[in-house]
């Protein structure tokens, strides 16, 4: 498996992985699938060392993707980024998520970011364990902030201090 920067040719797979979660999961609170045009604009917006999009490439197959996004557009938050990782449903449990998360942490350090933040639905034990295994700490619970598939959901907020 090779972790590398995402390119336009990866966008169909990235959208497929994401839309699966939009339609069937709670790892995103988006409720409408994204289209290729939206993903192109999104990738162009992330074209910076501080806010990359990366993929886990398994012999030409995009097994997952991750990104760093601005935590807020307010300038005082520029040292913080939100981390996101999505793994193809057929590739879970094979180390793809760990490779992507570590790749993003390494890129964040190299770009001079100070803090990474993650928002993870409270029922996602595997994702919480993964983040915590790489040093993220729980800093709070956003209670009852989401509703999807008729369920009211809590979100755990985690951070990782890089500096």
N, C-alpha and C. Protein backbone atom coordinates (compact mmCIF):
# COMPACT_ATOMS: atom_id res chain seq x y z
N UNK A 1 0.85 -1.18 0.00
CA UNK A 1 0.00 0.00 0.00
C UNK A 1 0.90 1.24 0.00
N UNK A 2 0.51 2.19 -0.83
CA UNK A 2 1.25 3.45 -0.91
C UNK A 2 0.29 4.59 -0.58
N UNK A 3 0.70 5.45 0.34
CA UNK A 3 -0.07 6.65 0.67
C UNK A 3 0.53 7.79 -0.13
N UNK A 4 -0.32 8.47 -0.91
CA UNK A 4 0.16 9.52 -1.81
C UNK A 4 -0.88 10.63 -1.90
N UNK A 5 -0.46 11.74 -2.50
CA UNK A 5 -1.38 12.84 -2.74
C UNK A 5 -2.48 12.41 -3.70
N UNK A 6 -3.68 12.86 -3.45
CA UNK A 6 -4.80 12.57 -4.35
C UNK A 6 -4.67 13.39 -5.62
N UNK A 7 -5.12 12.80 -6.72
CA UNK A 7 -5.14 13.49 -8.01
C UNK A 7 -6.54 13.36 -8.60
N UNK A 8 -6.79 14.13 -9.66
CA UNK A 8 -8.13 14.12 -10.28
C UNK A 8 -8.62 12.72 -10.62
N UNK A 9 -7.73 11.85 -11.05
CA UNK A 9 -8.13 10.49 -11.42
C UNK A 9 -8.67 9.69 -10.23
N UNK A 10 -8.42 10.14 -9.02
CA UNK A 10 -8.89 9.45 -7.82
C UNK A 10 -10.30 9.88 -7.41
N UNK A 11 -10.82 10.93 -8.02
CA UNK A 11 -12.05 11.54 -7.52
C UNK A 11 -13.28 10.63 -7.61
N UNK A 12 -13.37 9.80 -8.63
CA UNK A 12 -14.51 8.88 -8.72
C UNK A 12 -14.51 7.95 -7.52
N UNK A 13 -13.36 7.37 -7.19
CA UNK A 13 -13.26 6.45 -6.05
C UNK A 13 -13.48 7.20 -4.73
N UNK A 14 -12.93 8.40 -4.61
CA UNK A 14 -13.11 9.19 -3.39
C UNK A 14 -14.60 9.47 -3.18
N UNK A 15 -15.29 9.88 -4.24
CA UNK A 15 -16.72 10.17 -4.13
C UNK A 15 -17.51 8.90 -3.80
N UNK A 16 -17.14 7.78 -4.39
CA UNK A 16 -17.84 6.52 -4.10
C UNK A 16 -17.70 6.13 -2.63
N UNK A 17 -16.49 6.23 -2.10
CA UNK A 17 -16.25 5.89 -0.70
C UNK A 17 -17.06 6.82 0.20
N UNK A 18 -17.04 8.10 -0.10
CA UNK A 18 -17.74 9.09 0.72
C UNK A 18 -19.26 8.89 0.62
N UNK A 19 -19.76 8.73 -0.60
CA UNK A 19 -21.20 8.60 -0.79
C UNK A 19 -21.77 7.36 -0.13
N UNK A 20 -20.98 6.31 -0.04
CA UNK A 20 -21.42 5.13 0.70
C UNK A 20 -21.76 5.52 2.14
N UNK A 21 -20.89 6.32 2.76
CA UNK A 21 -21.11 6.77 4.14
C UNK A 21 -22.25 7.76 4.23
N UNK A 22 -22.39 8.62 3.21
CA UNK A 22 -23.52 9.56 3.19
C UNK A 22 -24.83 8.78 3.22
N UNK A 23 -24.92 7.75 2.40
CA UNK A 23 -26.17 7.02 2.23
C UNK A 23 -26.42 5.93 3.27
N UNK A 24 -25.34 5.41 3.89
CA UNK A 24 -25.52 4.25 4.76
C UNK A 24 -24.88 4.38 6.14
N UNK A 25 -24.03 5.36 6.35
CA UNK A 25 -23.25 5.43 7.58
C UNK A 25 -23.43 6.72 8.34
N UNK A 26 -22.75 6.79 9.46
CA UNK A 26 -22.80 8.00 10.29
C UNK A 26 -21.42 8.62 10.46
N UNK A 27 -20.45 8.21 9.65
CA UNK A 27 -19.13 8.83 9.76
C UNK A 27 -19.11 10.21 9.11
N UNK A 28 -20.14 10.54 8.35
CA UNK A 28 -20.35 11.91 7.89
C UNK A 28 -21.79 12.27 8.20
N UNK A 29 -22.02 13.52 8.49
CA UNK A 29 -23.39 13.98 8.73
C UNK A 29 -23.98 14.60 7.47
N UNK A 30 -23.24 14.54 6.35
CA UNK A 30 -23.85 14.91 5.07
C UNK A 30 -24.98 13.93 4.79
N UNK A 31 -26.04 14.41 4.18
CA UNK A 31 -27.17 13.55 3.87
C UNK A 31 -27.46 13.47 2.38
N UNK A 32 -26.75 14.24 1.59
CA UNK A 32 -26.92 14.22 0.13
C UNK A 32 -25.59 13.79 -0.51
N UNK A 33 -25.63 12.84 -1.42
CA UNK A 33 -24.39 12.40 -2.08
C UNK A 33 -23.72 13.57 -2.82
N UNK A 34 -22.40 13.47 -2.92
CA UNK A 34 -21.62 14.47 -3.65
C UNK A 34 -21.46 14.00 -5.09
N UNK A 35 -21.28 14.96 -6.00
CA UNK A 35 -21.04 14.58 -7.39
C UNK A 35 -19.59 14.92 -7.76
N UNK A 36 -19.20 14.51 -8.93
CA UNK A 36 -17.81 14.66 -9.36
C UNK A 36 -17.40 16.13 -9.44
N UNK A 37 -18.30 16.99 -9.89
CA UNK A 37 -17.99 18.42 -9.95
C UNK A 37 -17.69 19.00 -8.58
N UNK A 38 -18.49 18.62 -7.60
CA UNK A 38 -18.26 19.07 -6.22
C UNK A 38 -16.92 18.57 -5.70
N UNK A 39 -16.61 17.33 -6.00
CA UNK A 39 -15.33 16.77 -5.54
C UNK A 39 -14.14 17.45 -6.22
N UNK A 40 -14.29 17.84 -7.48
CA UNK A 40 -13.20 18.56 -8.17
C UNK A 40 -12.92 19.89 -7.47
N UNK A 41 -13.98 20.63 -7.19
CA UNK A 41 -13.83 21.92 -6.50
C UNK A 41 -13.24 21.71 -5.10
N UNK A 42 -13.68 20.68 -4.42
CA UNK A 42 -13.18 20.36 -3.08
C UNK A 42 -11.69 20.04 -3.13
N UNK A 43 -11.27 19.23 -4.10
CA UNK A 43 -9.85 18.88 -4.22
C UNK A 43 -9.01 20.11 -4.54
N UNK A 44 -9.51 20.96 -5.42
CA UNK A 44 -8.79 22.20 -5.76
C UNK A 44 -8.64 23.09 -4.53
N UNK A 45 -9.64 23.14 -3.70
CA UNK A 45 -9.60 23.94 -2.46
C UNK A 45 -8.56 23.40 -1.48
N UNK A 46 -8.26 22.11 -1.56
CA UNK A 46 -7.31 21.48 -0.65
C UNK A 46 -5.89 21.43 -1.22
N UNK A 47 -5.63 22.12 -2.28
CA UNK A 47 -4.32 22.06 -2.93
C UNK A 47 -3.30 22.94 -2.19
N UNK A 48 -2.90 22.48 -1.02
CA UNK A 48 -1.93 23.19 -0.21
C UNK A 48 -1.25 22.21 0.74
N UNK A 49 0.00 22.45 1.08
CA UNK A 49 0.66 21.55 2.04
C UNK A 49 -0.05 21.49 3.40
N UNK A 50 -0.72 22.58 3.80
CA UNK A 50 -1.39 22.60 5.10
C UNK A 50 -2.72 21.84 5.08
N UNK A 51 -3.31 21.68 3.92
CA UNK A 51 -4.63 21.05 3.83
C UNK A 51 -4.67 20.06 2.66
N UNK A 52 -3.90 18.99 2.76
CA UNK A 52 -3.84 18.02 1.65
C UNK A 52 -5.00 17.03 1.66
N UNK A 53 -5.18 16.39 0.53
CA UNK A 53 -6.02 15.21 0.40
C UNK A 53 -5.08 14.09 -0.04
N UNK A 54 -5.14 12.96 0.65
CA UNK A 54 -4.27 11.84 0.33
C UNK A 54 -5.14 10.59 0.11
N UNK A 55 -4.56 9.62 -0.57
CA UNK A 55 -5.24 8.35 -0.78
C UNK A 55 -4.31 7.20 -0.40
N UNK A 56 -4.92 6.08 -0.03
CA UNK A 56 -4.20 4.83 0.15
C UNK A 56 -4.39 4.04 -1.14
N UNK A 57 -3.31 3.83 -1.86
CA UNK A 57 -3.32 3.19 -3.17
C UNK A 57 -2.86 1.75 -3.02
N UNK A 58 -3.76 0.82 -3.35
CA UNK A 58 -3.44 -0.61 -3.33
C UNK A 58 -3.37 -1.09 -4.77
N UNK A 59 -2.19 -1.02 -5.35
CA UNK A 59 -2.00 -1.46 -6.74
C UNK A 59 -3.02 -0.82 -7.69
N UNK A 60 -3.20 0.49 -7.55
CA UNK A 60 -4.10 1.23 -8.44
C UNK A 60 -5.53 1.36 -7.93
N UNK A 61 -5.87 0.68 -6.84
CA UNK A 61 -7.19 0.79 -6.23
C UNK A 61 -7.12 1.79 -5.08
N UNK A 62 -8.03 2.76 -5.07
CA UNK A 62 -8.10 3.69 -3.94
C UNK A 62 -8.86 2.98 -2.82
N UNK A 63 -8.11 2.59 -1.79
CA UNK A 63 -8.69 1.85 -0.67
C UNK A 63 -9.24 2.77 0.41
N UNK A 64 -8.89 4.04 0.33
CA UNK A 64 -9.36 5.01 1.30
C UNK A 64 -8.75 6.35 1.01
N UNK A 65 -9.26 7.36 1.68
CA UNK A 65 -8.71 8.70 1.50
C UNK A 65 -8.81 9.46 2.82
N UNK A 66 -8.02 10.51 2.91
CA UNK A 66 -8.05 11.37 4.09
C UNK A 66 -7.73 12.79 3.70
N UNK A 67 -8.12 13.71 4.57
CA UNK A 67 -7.85 15.12 4.28
C UNK A 67 -7.63 15.90 5.57
N UNK A 68 -6.95 17.03 5.40
CA UNK A 68 -6.86 18.05 6.43
C UNK A 68 -7.60 19.26 5.90
N UNK A 69 -8.48 19.81 6.71
CA UNK A 69 -9.27 20.97 6.32
C UNK A 69 -9.12 22.06 7.36
N UNK A 70 -9.28 23.31 6.96
CA UNK A 70 -9.25 24.37 7.97
C UNK A 70 -10.31 24.12 9.03
N UNK A 71 -9.94 24.29 10.30
CA UNK A 71 -10.92 24.15 11.38
C UNK A 71 -11.93 25.28 11.30
N UNK A 72 -11.45 26.45 10.94
CA UNK A 72 -12.29 27.63 10.81
C UNK A 72 -11.64 28.55 9.79
N UNK A 73 -12.43 29.36 9.15
CA UNK A 73 -11.89 30.34 8.21
C UNK A 73 -11.30 31.55 8.93
N UNK A 74 -11.52 31.68 10.22
CA UNK A 74 -10.97 32.80 10.99
C UNK A 74 -9.46 32.60 11.13
N UNK A 75 -8.72 33.65 10.85
CA UNK A 75 -7.25 33.58 10.77
C UNK A 75 -6.59 33.07 12.05
N UNK A 76 -7.16 33.38 13.19
CA UNK A 76 -6.54 32.97 14.45
C UNK A 76 -6.52 31.45 14.63
N UNK A 77 -7.34 30.73 13.85
CA UNK A 77 -7.38 29.28 13.92
C UNK A 77 -6.46 28.62 12.89
N UNK A 78 -5.63 29.37 12.22
CA UNK A 78 -4.82 28.82 11.13
C UNK A 78 -3.88 27.70 11.57
N UNK A 79 -3.56 27.63 12.84
CA UNK A 79 -2.66 26.58 13.33
C UNK A 79 -3.37 25.25 13.58
N UNK A 80 -4.68 25.24 13.40
CA UNK A 80 -5.47 24.03 13.65
C UNK A 80 -6.10 23.54 12.35
N UNK A 81 -6.22 22.22 12.23
CA UNK A 81 -6.89 21.62 11.07
C UNK A 81 -7.75 20.47 11.54
N UNK A 82 -8.82 20.23 10.80
CA UNK A 82 -9.67 19.07 11.08
C UNK A 82 -9.22 17.92 10.19
N UNK A 83 -9.13 16.76 10.78
CA UNK A 83 -8.66 15.57 10.07
C UNK A 83 -9.86 14.69 9.75
N UNK A 84 -9.87 14.13 8.54
CA UNK A 84 -10.93 13.23 8.10
C UNK A 84 -10.30 12.03 7.41
N UNK A 85 -10.81 10.84 7.71
CA UNK A 85 -10.33 9.61 7.09
C UNK A 85 -11.53 8.73 6.76
N UNK A 86 -11.56 8.23 5.52
CA UNK A 86 -12.61 7.33 5.06
C UNK A 86 -11.97 6.13 4.38
N UNK A 87 -12.42 4.93 4.74
CA UNK A 87 -11.85 3.70 4.18
C UNK A 87 -12.96 2.96 3.44
N UNK A 88 -12.62 2.45 2.27
CA UNK A 88 -13.57 1.66 1.48
C UNK A 88 -14.07 0.49 2.33
N UNK A 89 -15.34 0.23 2.25
CA UNK A 89 -15.97 -0.80 3.10
C UNK A 89 -15.31 -2.17 2.96
N UNK A 90 -14.74 -2.49 1.80
CA UNK A 90 -14.10 -3.79 1.60
C UNK A 90 -12.65 -3.84 2.08
N UNK A 91 -12.13 -2.70 2.53
CA UNK A 91 -10.72 -2.63 2.94
C UNK A 91 -10.56 -2.33 4.43
N UNK A 92 -11.63 -2.34 5.17
CA UNK A 92 -11.55 -2.01 6.60
C UNK A 92 -10.87 -3.14 7.36
N UNK A 93 -10.13 -2.76 8.40
CA UNK A 93 -9.45 -3.74 9.24
C UNK A 93 -8.12 -4.20 8.68
N UNK A 94 -7.66 -3.58 7.60
CA UNK A 94 -6.41 -4.01 6.95
C UNK A 94 -5.29 -2.99 7.10
N UNK A 95 -5.47 -2.00 7.99
CA UNK A 95 -4.42 -1.01 8.22
C UNK A 95 -4.49 0.22 7.33
N UNK A 96 -5.51 0.31 6.49
CA UNK A 96 -5.65 1.45 5.58
C UNK A 96 -5.89 2.73 6.37
N UNK A 97 -6.82 2.69 7.32
CA UNK A 97 -7.12 3.87 8.13
C UNK A 97 -5.91 4.35 8.91
N UNK A 98 -5.17 3.42 9.50
CA UNK A 98 -3.96 3.79 10.25
C UNK A 98 -2.93 4.45 9.34
N UNK A 99 -2.72 3.90 8.15
CA UNK A 99 -1.75 4.47 7.22
C UNK A 99 -2.16 5.88 6.80
N UNK A 100 -3.44 6.08 6.54
CA UNK A 100 -3.92 7.41 6.15
C UNK A 100 -3.80 8.40 7.31
N UNK A 101 -4.22 7.98 8.48
CA UNK A 101 -4.16 8.87 9.64
C UNK A 101 -2.72 9.26 9.94
N UNK A 102 -1.80 8.29 9.93
CA UNK A 102 -0.39 8.60 10.17
C UNK A 102 0.16 9.50 9.08
N UNK A 103 -0.23 9.25 7.83
CA UNK A 103 0.21 10.10 6.73
C UNK A 103 -0.23 11.54 6.89
N UNK A 104 -1.45 11.74 7.37
CA UNK A 104 -1.94 13.10 7.60
C UNK A 104 -1.23 13.76 8.78
N UNK A 105 -0.99 13.01 9.83
CA UNK A 105 -0.27 13.55 10.99
C UNK A 105 1.13 13.99 10.54
N UNK A 106 1.82 13.16 9.79
CA UNK A 106 3.17 13.50 9.31
C UNK A 106 3.15 14.75 8.44
N UNK A 107 2.16 14.85 7.53
CA UNK A 107 2.06 16.02 6.67
C UNK A 107 1.72 17.28 7.46
N UNK A 108 0.88 17.14 8.47
CA UNK A 108 0.52 18.28 9.31
C UNK A 108 1.75 18.81 10.06
N UNK A 109 2.54 17.90 10.61
CA UNK A 109 3.78 18.33 11.30
C UNK A 109 4.71 19.05 10.33
N UNK A 110 4.91 18.47 9.16
CA UNK A 110 5.80 19.07 8.17
C UNK A 110 5.31 20.44 7.71
N UNK A 111 4.00 20.65 7.72
CA UNK A 111 3.43 21.93 7.28
C UNK A 111 3.39 22.96 8.41
N UNK A 112 3.79 22.56 9.62
CA UNK A 112 3.84 23.50 10.73
C UNK A 112 2.52 23.70 11.46
N UNK A 113 1.57 22.80 11.28
CA UNK A 113 0.33 22.90 12.03
C UNK A 113 0.58 22.56 13.50
N UNK A 114 -0.20 23.15 14.39
CA UNK A 114 -0.01 22.92 15.82
C UNK A 114 -0.97 21.92 16.43
N UNK A 115 -2.20 21.87 15.91
CA UNK A 115 -3.23 21.02 16.51
C UNK A 115 -4.08 20.40 15.41
N UNK A 116 -4.36 19.11 15.57
CA UNK A 116 -5.32 18.43 14.71
C UNK A 116 -6.56 18.13 15.54
N UNK A 117 -7.71 18.31 14.95
CA UNK A 117 -8.98 18.06 15.61
C UNK A 117 -9.76 17.02 14.81
N UNK A 118 -10.45 16.15 15.53
CA UNK A 118 -11.28 15.14 14.90
C UNK A 118 -12.64 15.14 15.56
N UNK A 119 -13.68 14.99 14.74
CA UNK A 119 -15.04 14.83 15.23
C UNK A 119 -15.50 13.44 14.80
N UNK A 120 -15.82 12.60 15.78
CA UNK A 120 -16.18 11.21 15.49
C UNK A 120 -17.47 10.87 16.21
N UNK A 121 -18.43 10.31 15.48
CA UNK A 121 -19.69 9.92 16.08
C UNK A 121 -19.40 8.92 17.21
N UNK A 122 -20.11 9.08 18.31
CA UNK A 122 -19.79 8.31 19.52
C UNK A 122 -19.89 6.81 19.34
N UNK A 123 -20.69 6.34 18.40
CA UNK A 123 -20.85 4.89 18.20
C UNK A 123 -19.72 4.28 17.37
N UNK A 124 -18.81 5.08 16.86
CA UNK A 124 -17.74 4.57 15.99
C UNK A 124 -16.53 4.17 16.82
N UNK A 125 -16.67 3.05 17.53
CA UNK A 125 -15.61 2.59 18.43
C UNK A 125 -14.29 2.35 17.70
N UNK A 126 -14.33 1.76 16.52
CA UNK A 126 -13.08 1.47 15.80
C UNK A 126 -12.34 2.76 15.44
N UNK A 127 -13.06 3.76 14.99
CA UNK A 127 -12.42 5.04 14.64
C UNK A 127 -11.87 5.74 15.88
N UNK A 128 -12.62 5.71 16.95
CA UNK A 128 -12.14 6.31 18.20
C UNK A 128 -10.87 5.61 18.68
N UNK A 129 -10.87 4.28 18.67
CA UNK A 129 -9.67 3.53 19.09
C UNK A 129 -8.47 3.84 18.19
N UNK A 130 -8.70 3.92 16.89
CA UNK A 130 -7.62 4.22 15.96
C UNK A 130 -7.00 5.58 16.27
N UNK A 131 -7.83 6.60 16.39
CA UNK A 131 -7.32 7.94 16.67
C UNK A 131 -6.56 7.97 18.00
N UNK A 132 -7.14 7.35 19.01
CA UNK A 132 -6.48 7.33 20.32
C UNK A 132 -5.16 6.56 20.28
N UNK A 133 -5.07 5.54 19.47
CA UNK A 133 -3.82 4.77 19.38
C UNK A 133 -2.69 5.59 18.77
N UNK A 134 -3.04 6.64 18.04
CA UNK A 134 -2.02 7.51 17.44
C UNK A 134 -1.88 8.83 18.19
N UNK A 135 -2.39 8.87 19.43
CA UNK A 135 -2.13 10.00 20.31
C UNK A 135 -3.25 11.01 20.48
N UNK A 136 -4.34 10.87 19.75
CA UNK A 136 -5.46 11.80 19.93
C UNK A 136 -6.08 11.57 21.31
N UNK A 137 -6.55 12.66 21.91
CA UNK A 137 -7.20 12.56 23.21
C UNK A 137 -8.60 13.16 23.12
N UNK A 138 -9.52 12.53 23.84
CA UNK A 138 -10.88 13.05 23.90
C UNK A 138 -10.89 14.34 24.71
N UNK A 139 -11.52 15.36 24.15
CA UNK A 139 -11.59 16.64 24.86
C UNK A 139 -13.03 17.07 25.13
N UNK A 140 -13.99 16.32 24.63
CA UNK A 140 -15.37 16.67 24.93
C UNK A 140 -16.35 15.88 24.09
N UNK A 141 -17.60 15.99 24.49
CA UNK A 141 -18.69 15.36 23.76
C UNK A 141 -19.67 16.44 23.36
N UNK A 142 -19.96 16.47 22.09
CA UNK A 142 -20.98 17.36 21.56
C UNK A 142 -22.27 16.53 21.58
N UNK A 143 -23.09 16.77 22.59
CA UNK A 143 -24.24 15.91 22.85
C UNK A 143 -25.41 16.24 21.94
N UNK A 144 -25.93 15.18 21.29
CA UNK A 144 -27.17 15.25 20.53
C UNK A 144 -27.12 16.29 19.40
N UNK A 145 -25.96 16.46 18.77
CA UNK A 145 -25.79 17.50 17.75
C UNK A 145 -26.21 17.04 16.36
N UNK A 146 -26.31 15.74 16.14
CA UNK A 146 -26.65 15.25 14.82
C UNK A 146 -27.85 14.34 14.84
N UNK A 147 -28.50 14.27 13.69
CA UNK A 147 -29.59 13.32 13.54
C UNK A 147 -29.52 12.73 12.15
N UNK A 148 -29.43 11.42 12.09
CA UNK A 148 -29.33 10.73 10.82
C UNK A 148 -30.00 9.37 10.95
N UNK A 149 -30.75 8.98 9.94
CA UNK A 149 -31.46 7.71 9.93
C UNK A 149 -32.38 7.56 11.15
N UNK A 150 -32.96 8.69 11.58
CA UNK A 150 -33.89 8.68 12.70
C UNK A 150 -33.24 8.54 14.06
N UNK A 151 -31.92 8.64 14.12
CA UNK A 151 -31.20 8.52 15.39
C UNK A 151 -30.56 9.86 15.74
N UNK A 152 -30.68 10.27 16.98
CA UNK A 152 -29.99 11.47 17.48
C UNK A 152 -28.62 11.02 17.96
N UNK A 153 -27.57 11.73 17.49
CA UNK A 153 -26.20 11.25 17.67
C UNK A 153 -25.33 12.24 18.43
N UNK A 154 -24.47 11.69 19.27
CA UNK A 154 -23.43 12.46 19.93
C UNK A 154 -22.16 12.39 19.09
N UNK A 155 -21.32 13.42 19.21
CA UNK A 155 -20.05 13.45 18.51
C UNK A 155 -18.95 13.69 19.54
N UNK A 156 -17.91 12.87 19.48
CA UNK A 156 -16.75 13.01 20.35
C UNK A 156 -15.75 13.91 19.65
N UNK A 157 -15.25 14.90 20.35
CA UNK A 157 -14.22 15.80 19.83
C UNK A 157 -12.87 15.37 20.42
N UNK A 158 -11.90 15.17 19.53
CA UNK A 158 -10.55 14.76 19.95
C UNK A 158 -9.54 15.75 19.40
N UNK A 159 -8.41 15.84 20.08
CA UNK A 159 -7.33 16.66 19.54
C UNK A 159 -5.99 15.95 19.67
N UNK A 160 -5.06 16.40 18.83
CA UNK A 160 -3.68 15.92 18.87
C UNK A 160 -2.80 17.15 18.75
N UNK A 161 -1.97 17.39 19.77
CA UNK A 161 -1.08 18.54 19.76
C UNK A 161 0.24 18.12 19.12
N UNK A 162 0.60 18.82 18.06
CA UNK A 162 1.79 18.49 17.30
C UNK A 162 3.01 19.28 17.74
N UNK A 163 2.80 20.36 18.46
CA UNK A 163 3.93 21.23 18.84
C UNK A 163 4.25 21.11 20.30
